[in-house]
């Protein structure tokens, strides 16, 4: 069974598909990105307690979260939900909603001032929410897919040629 991407290519975009071998390999890539996001959030939190965060760290983190969320919402979740629903498991629509607070907090940090008294607390809330979300996703959704044997299913994704940070580009 091959799960097609949820978004068709735009007119004029490169129509060649990028092949993510399996749903399991994509889950492993997402888990690795979870660790990278946690690491960057830790750097950000550590930098704010002693000094100003390094220039570009917020933008870098925002780009990573945006791309990562796009991969999950456009590729991983549709495939996971289709497979699980085929087994009669109705998955809640909370997956997409889980990302809203992460992206909202990241936007507040990017747009806000580092002198804002809520700057550091927002970083801490973002870290805690991300850690909880990653643990639930890996411990529940990834495990359910693996247990049911779905990590071996092939998965295709079409790169629609949009700029990095707005479309998922796994490497």
Protein backbone atom coordinates (compact mmCIF):
# COMPACT_ATOMS: atom_id res chain seq x y z
CA UNK A 1 0.00 0.00 0.00
CA UNK A 2 1.42 3.38 -0.96
CA UNK A 3 0.00 6.48 0.68
CA UNK A 4 0.07 9.48 -1.66
CA UNK A 5 0.85 12.98 -0.42
CA UNK A 6 -2.09 15.08 0.68
CA UNK A 7 -1.02 18.13 -1.30
CA UNK A 8 -0.71 17.94 -5.09
CA UNK A 9 2.17 19.82 -6.76
CA UNK A 10 1.56 23.40 -7.79
CA UNK A 11 1.42 24.15 -11.51
CA UNK A 12 4.97 24.61 -12.76
CA UNK A 13 6.54 22.87 -9.76
CA UNK A 14 9.02 20.03 -10.14
CA UNK A 15 6.73 16.98 -10.41
CA UNK A 16 9.42 14.42 -9.47
CA UNK A 17 8.51 12.58 -6.27
CA UNK A 18 10.82 12.32 -3.28
CA UNK A 19 10.69 8.84 -1.91
CA UNK A 20 10.65 8.27 1.79
CA UNK A 21 11.17 4.56 1.84
CA UNK A 22 8.79 3.67 4.64
CA UNK A 23 6.52 5.17 7.23
CA UNK A 24 8.93 3.80 9.83
CA UNK A 25 11.88 5.65 8.32
CA UNK A 26 9.84 8.84 8.30
CA UNK A 27 8.91 8.25 11.96
CA UNK A 28 12.62 7.81 12.76
CA UNK A 29 13.40 11.07 10.97
CA UNK A 30 10.66 12.86 12.91
CA UNK A 31 11.97 11.43 16.20
CA UNK A 32 15.47 12.64 15.31
CA UNK A 33 14.02 16.07 14.61
CA UNK A 34 12.29 15.96 17.99
CA UNK A 35 15.72 15.54 19.62
CA UNK A 36 17.12 18.42 17.54
CA UNK A 37 14.21 20.70 18.50
CA UNK A 38 14.67 19.78 22.17
CA UNK A 39 18.39 20.53 21.88
CA UNK A 40 17.76 23.95 20.32
CA UNK A 41 15.11 24.77 22.92
CA UNK A 42 17.61 23.84 25.61
CA UNK A 43 20.23 26.11 24.06
CA UNK A 44 17.68 28.90 23.88
CA UNK A 45 16.64 28.45 27.51
CA UNK A 46 20.26 28.27 28.66
CA UNK A 47 21.21 31.37 26.70
CA UNK A 48 18.37 33.44 28.16
CA UNK A 49 19.31 32.58 31.72
CA UNK A 50 22.87 33.88 31.30
CA UNK A 51 22.79 36.27 28.33
CA UNK A 52 21.02 37.04 25.09
CA UNK A 53 20.26 34.05 22.85
CA UNK A 54 22.68 33.72 19.91
CA UNK A 55 21.58 35.68 16.86
CA UNK A 56 19.58 33.53 14.52
CA UNK A 57 18.71 30.81 17.05
CA UNK A 58 15.06 31.87 17.20
CA UNK A 59 14.81 32.02 13.40
CA UNK A 60 16.55 28.66 13.10
CA UNK A 61 14.19 27.09 15.62
CA UNK A 62 11.16 28.66 13.97
CA UNK A 63 12.20 27.33 10.54
CA UNK A 64 12.80 23.86 11.99
CA UNK A 65 9.43 23.78 13.81
CA UNK A 66 7.61 25.07 10.72
CA UNK A 67 9.19 22.46 8.44
CA UNK A 68 8.75 19.67 10.98
CA UNK A 69 5.09 20.53 11.53
CA UNK A 70 4.52 20.64 7.79
CA UNK A 71 5.99 17.14 7.39
CA UNK A 72 3.74 15.80 10.13
CA UNK A 73 0.55 17.52 8.99
CA UNK A 74 0.99 17.02 5.25
CA UNK A 75 2.57 13.57 5.12
CA UNK A 76 2.84 11.60 8.34
CA UNK A 77 -0.52 12.20 10.02
CA UNK A 78 -2.65 11.64 6.90
CA UNK A 79 -0.87 8.33 6.28
CA UNK A 80 -1.03 7.27 9.93
CA UNK A 81 -4.70 8.15 10.27
CA UNK A 82 -5.63 6.42 7.00
CA UNK A 83 -3.88 3.21 8.08
CA UNK A 84 -5.32 3.23 11.59
CA UNK A 85 -8.84 4.06 10.39
CA UNK A 86 -8.60 1.11 7.99
CA UNK A 87 -8.20 -1.02 11.14
CA UNK A 88 -11.29 0.56 12.66
CA UNK A 89 -9.32 2.81 14.97
CA UNK A 90 -10.75 6.29 14.93
CA UNK A 91 -7.97 8.71 15.75
CA UNK A 92 -8.89 12.04 17.21
CA UNK A 93 -8.25 15.21 15.24
CA UNK A 94 -6.05 16.41 18.08
CA UNK A 95 -2.82 15.76 16.16
CA UNK A 96 -3.05 18.98 14.18
CA UNK A 97 -4.34 20.97 17.12
CA UNK A 98 -1.36 19.82 19.22
CA UNK A 99 0.93 21.90 17.00
CA UNK A 100 -1.00 25.17 17.32
CA UNK A 101 0.35 26.16 20.76
CA UNK A 102 3.91 25.30 19.72
CA UNK A 103 3.72 27.48 16.64
CA UNK A 104 1.86 30.27 18.44
CA UNK A 105 4.46 30.43 21.21
CA UNK A 106 7.26 30.34 18.66
CA UNK A 107 5.62 33.24 16.81
CA UNK A 108 5.34 35.23 20.04
CA UNK A 109 9.03 34.66 20.73
CA UNK A 110 10.06 35.65 17.21
CA UNK A 111 7.91 38.79 17.18
CA UNK A 112 8.41 39.78 20.79
CA UNK A 113 11.13 41.58 22.63
CA UNK A 114 13.70 39.76 24.70
CA UNK A 115 13.07 42.35 27.39
CA UNK A 116 9.44 41.26 27.63
CA UNK A 117 8.93 39.72 31.10
CA UNK A 118 7.07 36.84 29.40
CA UNK A 119 9.94 35.98 27.02
CA UNK A 120 11.69 33.46 29.29
CA UNK A 121 8.45 31.90 30.63
CA UNK A 122 7.27 31.39 27.03
CA UNK A 123 10.47 29.50 26.26
CA UNK A 124 9.92 27.26 29.27
CA UNK A 125 6.28 26.59 28.36
CA UNK A 126 7.33 25.86 24.77
CA UNK A 127 9.97 23.39 26.03
CA UNK A 128 7.51 21.60 28.30
CA UNK A 129 4.75 21.46 25.69
CA UNK A 130 7.15 20.20 23.00
CA UNK A 131 8.58 17.52 25.33
CA UNK A 132 5.09 16.29 26.26
CA UNK A 133 3.92 16.31 22.65
CA UNK A 134 7.01 14.44 21.43
CA UNK A 135 6.70 11.83 24.20
CA UNK A 136 3.02 11.22 23.41
CA UNK A 137 3.60 11.09 19.67
CA UNK A 138 6.53 8.69 19.90
CA UNK A 139 5.12 6.65 22.79
CA UNK A 140 1.58 6.32 21.50
CA UNK A 141 1.19 7.00 17.77
CA UNK A 142 4.58 5.73 16.58
CA UNK A 143 4.31 2.67 18.82
CA UNK A 144 0.78 1.86 17.61
CA UNK A 145 1.87 2.07 13.98
CA UNK A 146 4.92 -0.08 14.63
CA UNK A 147 2.96 -2.67 16.66
CA UNK A 148 0.45 -3.02 13.83
CA UNK A 149 3.23 -3.54 11.30
CA UNK A 150 2.69 -0.27 9.46
CA UNK A 151 6.29 0.97 9.68
CA UNK A 152 7.04 -1.07 6.55
CA UNK A 153 4.47 0.70 4.37
CA UNK A 154 5.90 2.77 1.56
CA UNK A 155 5.32 6.47 1.52
CA UNK A 156 5.75 8.96 -1.30
CA UNK A 157 5.87 12.70 -1.10
CA UNK A 158 6.00 15.27 -3.85
CA UNK A 159 8.29 18.24 -3.27
CA UNK A 160 6.25 21.15 -4.59
CA UNK A 161 9.28 23.37 -5.00
CA UNK A 162 8.43 25.96 -2.38
CA UNK A 163 11.17 27.64 -0.32
CA UNK A 164 12.87 25.77 2.51
CA UNK A 165 11.01 26.36 5.74
CA UNK A 166 7.62 26.34 4.06
CA UNK A 167 7.75 22.77 2.76
CA UNK A 168 9.20 19.65 4.31
CA UNK A 169 12.60 18.68 2.98
CA UNK A 170 14.02 15.60 4.64
CA UNK A 171 17.72 15.02 4.41
